[in-house]
């Protein structure tokens, strides 16, 4: 069974393989990415919802028209 928390292995940075180092860096940077997405959505959520609503309104109105 694979270990989930490998803190003992992460303390030996010099003995880690390149794949383990990359996985550790990704695990450390993931919360920052989540925070950036949260800030973006928090700031622009109203505009995104309005654009989606406008898109679906136009799509609903043009539903019965024939296309090419």
PDB file of N, CA and C in Angstrom:
ATOM      1  N   UNK A   1       0.846  -1.176   0.000  1.00  0.00           N
ATOM      2  CA  UNK A   1       0.000   0.000   0.000  1.00  0.00           C
ATOM      3  C   UNK A   1       0.893   1.241   0.000  1.00  0.00           C
ATOM      4  N   UNK A   2       0.544   2.184  -0.880  1.00  0.00           N
ATOM      5  CA  UNK A   2       1.365   3.377  -1.025  1.00  0.00           C
ATOM      6  C   UNK A   2       1.146   4.320   0.154  1.00  0.00           C
ATOM      7  N   UNK A   3       2.219   4.936   0.600  1.00  0.00           N
ATOM      8  CA  UNK A   3       2.118   5.889   1.706  1.00  0.00           C
ATOM      9  C   UNK A   3       1.464   7.178   1.214  1.00  0.00           C
ATOM     10  N   UNK A   4       0.601   7.727   2.034  1.00  0.00           N
ATOM     11  CA  UNK A   4      -0.026   8.999   1.685  1.00  0.00           C
ATOM     12  C   UNK A   4       0.824  10.153   2.211  1.00  0.00           C
ATOM     13  N   UNK A   5       1.197  10.084   3.476  1.00  0.00           N
ATOM     14  CA  UNK A   5       2.029  11.123   4.078  1.00  0.00           C
ATOM     15  C   UNK A   5       3.459  10.596   4.168  1.00  0.00           C
ATOM     16  N   UNK A   6       4.347  11.193   3.381  1.00  0.00           N
ATOM     17  CA  UNK A   6       5.722  10.705   3.287  1.00  0.00           C
ATOM     18  C   UNK A   6       6.688  11.733   3.864  1.00  0.00           C
ATOM     19  N   UNK A   7       6.420  12.231   5.057  1.00  0.00           N
ATOM     20  CA  UNK A   7       7.244  13.298   5.611  1.00  0.00           C
ATOM     21  C   UNK A   7       8.677  12.861   5.848  1.00  0.00           C
ATOM     22  N   UNK A   8       8.884  11.608   6.206  1.00  0.00           N
ATOM     23  CA  UNK A   8      10.256  11.142   6.422  1.00  0.00           C
ATOM     24  C   UNK A   8      11.058  11.194   5.123  1.00  0.00           C
ATOM     25  N   UNK A   9      10.406  10.869   4.026  1.00  0.00           N
ATOM     26  CA  UNK A   9      11.096  10.906   2.735  1.00  0.00           C
ATOM     27  C   UNK A   9      11.340  12.336   2.271  1.00  0.00           C
ATOM     28  N   UNK A  10      10.426  13.253   2.585  1.00  0.00           N
ATOM     29  CA  UNK A  10      10.593  14.635   2.151  1.00  0.00           C
ATOM     30  C   UNK A  10      11.689  15.358   2.921  1.00  0.00           C
ATOM     31  N   UNK A  11      12.037  14.868   4.093  1.00  0.00           N
ATOM     32  CA  UNK A  11      13.114  15.494   4.849  1.00  0.00           C
ATOM     33  C   UNK A  11      14.476  15.195   4.239  1.00  0.00           C
ATOM     34  N   UNK A  12      14.601  14.101   3.512  1.00  0.00           N
ATOM     35  CA  UNK A  12      15.851  13.750   2.826  1.00  0.00           C
ATOM     36  C   UNK A  12      15.784  14.225   1.379  1.00  0.00           C
ATOM     37  N   UNK A  13      15.901  15.531   1.178  1.00  0.00           N
ATOM     38  CA  UNK A  13      15.738  16.123  -0.147  1.00  0.00           C
ATOM     39  C   UNK A  13      16.800  15.622  -1.119  1.00  0.00           C
ATOM     40  N   UNK A  14      18.013  15.447  -0.661  1.00  0.00           N
ATOM     41  CA  UNK A  14      19.099  15.030  -1.553  1.00  0.00           C
ATOM     42  C   UNK A  14      18.932  13.599  -2.036  1.00  0.00           C
ATOM     43  N   UNK A  15      18.266  12.770  -1.254  1.00  0.00           N
ATOM     44  CA  UNK A  15      18.099  11.369  -1.633  1.00  0.00           C
ATOM     45  C   UNK A  15      16.817  11.112  -2.416  1.00  0.00           C
ATOM     46  N   UNK A  16      16.029  12.130  -2.655  1.00  0.00           N
ATOM     47  CA  UNK A  16      14.758  11.955  -3.358  1.00  0.00           C
ATOM     48  C   UNK A  16      14.978  11.881  -4.855  1.00  0.00           C
ATOM     49  N   UNK A  17      14.108  11.157  -5.531  1.00  0.00           N
ATOM     50  CA  UNK A  17      14.167  11.107  -6.991  1.00  0.00           C
ATOM     51  C   UNK A  17      13.560  12.390  -7.552  1.00  0.00           C
ATOM     52  N   UNK A  18      13.764  12.615  -8.836  1.00  0.00           N
ATOM     53  CA  UNK A  18      13.227  13.824  -9.467  1.00  0.00           C
ATOM     54  C   UNK A  18      11.702  13.830  -9.436  1.00  0.00           C
ATOM     55  N   UNK A  19      11.107  12.664  -9.592  1.00  0.00           N
ATOM     56  CA  UNK A  19       9.646  12.579  -9.569  1.00  0.00           C
ATOM     57  C   UNK A  19       9.093  12.907  -8.179  1.00  0.00           C
ATOM     58  N   UNK A  20       9.760  12.452  -7.137  1.00  0.00           N
ATOM     59  CA  UNK A  20       9.317  12.765  -5.775  1.00  0.00           C
ATOM     60  C   UNK A  20       9.464  14.255  -5.480  1.00  0.00           C
ATOM     61  N   UNK A  21      10.554  14.856  -5.951  1.00  0.00           N
ATOM     62  CA  UNK A  21      10.738  16.296  -5.755  1.00  0.00           C
ATOM     63  C   UNK A  21       9.648  17.088  -6.463  1.00  0.00           C
ATOM     64  N   UNK A  22       9.322  16.675  -7.682  1.00  0.00           N
ATOM     65  CA  UNK A  22       8.283  17.357  -8.439  1.00  0.00           C
ATOM     66  C   UNK A  22       6.922  17.217  -7.760  1.00  0.00           C
ATOM     67  N   UNK A  23       6.620  16.029  -7.270  1.00  0.00           N
ATOM     68  CA  UNK A  23       5.353  15.821  -6.564  1.00  0.00           C
ATOM     69  C   UNK A  23       5.276  16.661  -5.291  1.00  0.00           C
ATOM     70  N   UNK A  24       6.375  16.782  -4.583  1.00  0.00           N
ATOM     71  CA  UNK A  24       6.391  17.598  -3.368  1.00  0.00           C
ATOM     72  C   UNK A  24       6.178  19.078  -3.692  1.00  0.00           C
ATOM     73  N   UNK A  25       6.823  19.560  -4.750  1.00  0.00           N
ATOM     74  CA  UNK A  25       6.646  20.955  -5.149  1.00  0.00           C
ATOM     75  C   UNK A  25       5.200  21.224  -5.557  1.00  0.00           C
ATOM     76  N   UNK A  26       4.608  20.288  -6.287  1.00  0.00           N
ATOM     77  CA  UNK A  26       3.203  20.447  -6.675  1.00  0.00           C
ATOM     78  C   UNK A  26       2.298  20.483  -5.449  1.00  0.00           C
ATOM     79  N   UNK A  27       2.568  19.617  -4.490  1.00  0.00           N
ATOM     80  CA  UNK A  27       1.743  19.570  -3.280  1.00  0.00           C
ATOM     81  C   UNK A  27       1.868  20.864  -2.478  1.00  0.00           C
ATOM     82  N   UNK A  28       3.044  21.462  -2.486  1.00  0.00           N
ATOM     83  CA  UNK A  28       3.237  22.712  -1.741  1.00  0.00           C
ATOM     84  C   UNK A  28       2.626  23.913  -2.460  1.00  0.00           C
ATOM     85  N   UNK A  29       2.615  23.897  -3.789  1.00  0.00           N
ATOM     86  CA  UNK A  29       2.105  25.035  -4.542  1.00  0.00           C
ATOM     87  C   UNK A  29       0.600  24.965  -4.792  1.00  0.00           C
ATOM     88  N   UNK A  30      -0.014  23.818  -4.590  1.00  0.00           N
ATOM     89  CA  UNK A  30      -1.446  23.671  -4.856  1.00  0.00           C
ATOM     90  C   UNK A  30      -2.311  24.621  -4.020  1.00  0.00           C
ATOM     91  N   UNK A  31      -2.052  24.824  -2.726  1.00  0.00           N
ATOM     92  CA  UNK A  31      -2.891  25.778  -1.968  1.00  0.00           C
ATOM     93  C   UNK A  31      -2.823  27.203  -2.508  1.00  0.00           C
ATOM     94  N   UNK A  32      -1.676  27.610  -3.049  1.00  0.00           N
ATOM     95  CA  UNK A  32      -1.569  28.949  -3.627  1.00  0.00           C
ATOM     96  C   UNK A  32      -2.436  29.071  -4.878  1.00  0.00           C
ATOM     97  N   UNK A  33      -2.457  28.023  -5.694  1.00  0.00           N
ATOM     98  CA  UNK A  33      -3.309  28.022  -6.881  1.00  0.00           C
ATOM     99  C   UNK A  33      -4.783  28.094  -6.488  1.00  0.00           C
ATOM    100  N   UNK A  34      -5.163  27.335  -5.486  1.00  0.00           N
ATOM    101  CA  UNK A  34      -6.548  27.356  -5.015  1.00  0.00           C
ATOM    102  C   UNK A  34      -6.904  28.744  -4.496  1.00  0.00           C
ATOM    103  N   UNK A  35      -5.995  29.385  -3.786  1.00  0.00           N
ATOM    104  CA  UNK A  35      -6.251  30.729  -3.268  1.00  0.00           C
ATOM    105  C   UNK A  35      -6.435  31.732  -4.410  1.00  0.00           C
ATOM    106  N   UNK A  36      -5.593  31.643  -5.447  1.00  0.00           N
ATOM    107  CA  UNK A  36      -5.726  32.554  -6.587  1.00  0.00           C
ATOM    108  C   UNK A  36      -7.062  32.362  -7.300  1.00  0.00           C
ATOM    109  N   UNK A  37      -7.484  31.119  -7.470  1.00  0.00           N
ATOM    110  CA  UNK A  37      -8.786  30.852  -8.096  1.00  0.00           C
ATOM    111  C   UNK A  37      -9.906  31.393  -7.218  1.00  0.00           C
ATOM    112  N   UNK A  38      -9.789  31.220  -5.913  1.00  0.00           N
ATOM    113  CA  UNK A  38     -10.802  31.727  -4.980  1.00  0.00           C
ATOM    114  C   UNK A  38     -10.910  33.249  -5.064  1.00  0.00           C
ATOM    115  N   UNK A  39      -9.782  33.938  -5.080  1.00  0.00           N
ATOM    116  CA  UNK A  39      -9.794  35.403  -5.153  1.00  0.00           C
ATOM    117  C   UNK A  39     -10.405  35.855  -6.475  1.00  0.00           C
ATOM    118  N   UNK A  40     -10.033  35.194  -7.572  1.00  0.00           N
ATOM    119  CA  UNK A  40     -10.572  35.556  -8.882  1.00  0.00           C
ATOM    120  C   UNK A  40     -12.085  35.369  -8.920  1.00  0.00           C
ATOM    121  N   UNK A  41     -12.561  34.212  -8.461  1.00  0.00           N
ATOM    122  CA  UNK A  41     -14.002  33.954  -8.482  1.00  0.00           C
ATOM    123  C   UNK A  41     -14.752  34.864  -7.519  1.00  0.00           C
ATOM    124  N   UNK A  42     -14.146  35.178  -6.400  1.00  0.00           N
ATOM    125  CA  UNK A  42     -14.782  36.075  -5.440  1.00  0.00           C
ATOM    126  C   UNK A  42     -14.941  37.475  -6.023  1.00  0.00           C
ATOM    127  N   UNK A  43     -13.977  37.907  -6.803  1.00  0.00           N
ATOM    128  CA  UNK A  43     -14.013  39.250  -7.357  1.00  0.00           C
ATOM    129  C   UNK A  43     -14.910  39.337  -8.590  1.00  0.00           C
ATOM    130  N   UNK A  44     -14.909  38.322  -9.438  1.00  0.00           N
ATOM    131  CA  UNK A  44     -15.606  38.395 -10.715  1.00  0.00           C
ATOM    132  C   UNK A  44     -16.809  37.458 -10.817  1.00  0.00           C
ATOM    133  N   UNK A  45     -17.306  36.948  -9.710  1.00  0.00           N
ATOM    134  CA  UNK A  45     -18.413  35.985  -9.772  1.00  0.00           C
ATOM    135  C   UNK A  45     -19.687  36.612 -10.332  1.00  0.00           C
ATOM    136  N   UNK A  46     -19.993  37.845  -9.968  1.00  0.00           N
ATOM    137  CA  UNK A  46     -21.198  38.492 -10.476  1.00  0.00           C
ATOM    138  C   UNK A  46     -21.113  38.688 -11.989  1.00  0.00           C
ATOM    139  N   UNK A  47     -19.975  39.131 -12.486  1.00  0.00           N
ATOM    140  CA  UNK A  47     -19.811  39.332 -13.923  1.00  0.00           C
ATOM    141  C   UNK A  47     -19.899  38.004 -14.675  1.00  0.00           C
ATOM    142  N   UNK A  48     -19.317  36.964 -14.126  1.00  0.00           N
ATOM    143  CA  UNK A  48     -19.376  35.646 -14.765  1.00  0.00           C
ATOM    144  C   UNK A  48     -20.811  35.142 -14.808  1.00  0.00           C
ATOM    145  N   UNK A  49     -21.550  35.300 -13.709  1.00  0.00           N
ATOM    146  CA  UNK A  49     -22.950  34.871 -13.682  1.00  0.00           C
ATOM    147  C   UNK A  49     -23.804  35.668 -14.666  1.00  0.00           C
ATOM    148  N   UNK A  50     -23.556  36.971 -14.778  1.00  0.00           N
ATOM    149  CA  UNK A  50     -24.300  37.781 -15.745  1.00  0.00           C
ATOM    150  C   UNK A  50     -24.004  37.357 -17.177  1.00  0.00           C
ATOM    151  N   UNK A  51     -22.752  37.091 -17.488  1.00  0.00           N
ATOM    152  CA  UNK A  51     -22.400  36.631 -18.833  1.00  0.00           C
ATOM    153  C   UNK A  51     -23.028  35.279 -19.145  1.00  0.00           C
ATOM    154  N   UNK A  52     -23.001  34.367 -18.194  1.00  0.00           N
ATOM    155  CA  UNK A  52     -23.635  33.062 -18.408  1.00  0.00           C
ATOM    156  C   UNK A  52     -25.146  33.207 -18.579  1.00  0.00           C
ATOM    157  N   UNK A  53     -25.763  34.050 -17.773  1.00  0.00           N
ATOM    158  CA  UNK A  53     -27.198  34.287 -17.907  1.00  0.00           C
ATOM    159  C   UNK A  53     -27.552  34.896 -19.251  1.00  0.00           C
ATOM    160  N   UNK A  54     -26.760  35.860 -19.706  1.00  0.00           N
ATOM    161  CA  UNK A  54     -26.977  36.482 -21.012  1.00  0.00           C
ATOM    162  C   UNK A  54     -26.807  35.464 -22.134  1.00  0.00           C
ATOM    163  N   UNK A  55     -25.795  34.610 -22.034  1.00  0.00           N
ATOM    164  CA  UNK A  55     -25.552  33.571 -23.036  1.00  0.00           C
ATOM    165  C   UNK A  55     -26.736  32.614 -23.129  1.00  0.00           C
ATOM    166  N   UNK A  56     -27.233  32.143 -21.978  1.00  0.00           N
ATOM    167  CA  UNK A  56     -28.350  31.201 -21.995  1.00  0.00           C
ATOM    168  C   UNK A  56     -29.659  31.879 -22.414  1.00  0.00           C
ATOM    169  N   UNK A  57     -29.815  33.171 -22.135  1.00  0.00           N
ATOM    170  CA  UNK A  57     -30.990  33.901 -22.596  1.00  0.00           C
ATOM    171  C   UNK A  57     -31.006  33.987 -24.115  1.00  0.00           C
ATOM    172  N   UNK A  58     -29.888  34.344 -24.721  1.00  0.00           N
ATOM    173  CA  UNK A  58     -29.798  34.411 -26.182  1.00  0.00           C
ATOM    174  C   UNK A  58     -29.999  33.030 -26.787  1.00  0.00           C
ATOM    175  N   UNK A  59     -29.420  32.033 -26.185  1.00  0.00           N
ATOM    176  CA  UNK A  59     -29.576  30.661 -26.673  1.00  0.00           C
ATOM    177  C   UNK A  59     -31.040  30.217 -26.581  1.00  0.00           C
ATOM    178  N   UNK A  60     -31.715  30.581 -25.502  1.00  0.00           N
ATOM    179  CA  UNK A  60     -33.121  30.226 -25.334  1.00  0.00           C
ATOM    180  C   UNK A  60     -33.997  30.942 -26.359  1.00  0.00           C
ATOM    181  N   UNK A  61     -33.720  32.226 -26.628  1.00  0.00           N
ATOM    182  CA  UNK A  61     -34.518  32.986 -27.592  1.00  0.00           C
ATOM    183  C   UNK A  61     -34.306  32.485 -29.017  1.00  0.00           C
ATOM    184  N   UNK A  62     -33.113  32.030 -29.340  1.00  0.00           N
ATOM    185  CA  UNK A  62     -32.809  31.563 -30.696  1.00  0.00           C
ATOM    186  C   UNK A  62     -33.030  30.064 -30.856  1.00  0.00           C
ATOM    187  N   UNK A  63     -33.681  29.449 -29.921  1.00  0.00           N
ATOM    188  CA  UNK A  63     -33.845  27.998 -29.949  1.00  0.00           C
ATOM    189  C   UNK A  63     -34.727  27.544 -31.106  1.00  0.00           C
ATOM    190  N   UNK A  64     -35.766  28.303 -31.421  1.00  0.00           N
ATOM    191  CA  UNK A  64     -36.722  27.877 -32.441  1.00  0.00           C
ATOM    192  C   UNK A  64     -36.357  28.341 -33.844  1.00  0.00           C
ATOM    193  N   UNK A  65     -35.321  29.123 -34.001  1.00  0.00           N
ATOM    194  CA  UNK A  65     -34.914  29.586 -35.322  1.00  0.00           C
ATOM    195  C   UNK A  65     -34.117  28.499 -36.026  1.00  0.00           C
ATOM    196  N   UNK A  66     -34.269  28.441 -37.343  1.00  0.00           N
ATOM    197  CA  UNK A  66     -33.539  27.444 -38.125  1.00  0.00           C
ATOM    198  C   UNK A  66     -32.110  27.906 -38.358  1.00  0.00           C
ATOM    199  N   UNK A  67     -31.195  26.997 -38.275  1.00  0.00           N
ATOM    200  CA  UNK A  67     -29.794  27.305 -38.536  1.00  0.00           C
ATOM    201  C   UNK A  67     -29.442  27.013 -39.979  1.00  0.00           C
ATOM    202  N   UNK A  68     -28.194  27.091 -40.311  1.00  0.00           N
ATOM    203  CA  UNK A  68     -27.750  26.845 -41.682  1.00  0.00           C
ATOM    204  C   UNK A  68     -27.828  25.412 -42.021  1.00  0.00           C
TER     205      UNK A  68
END
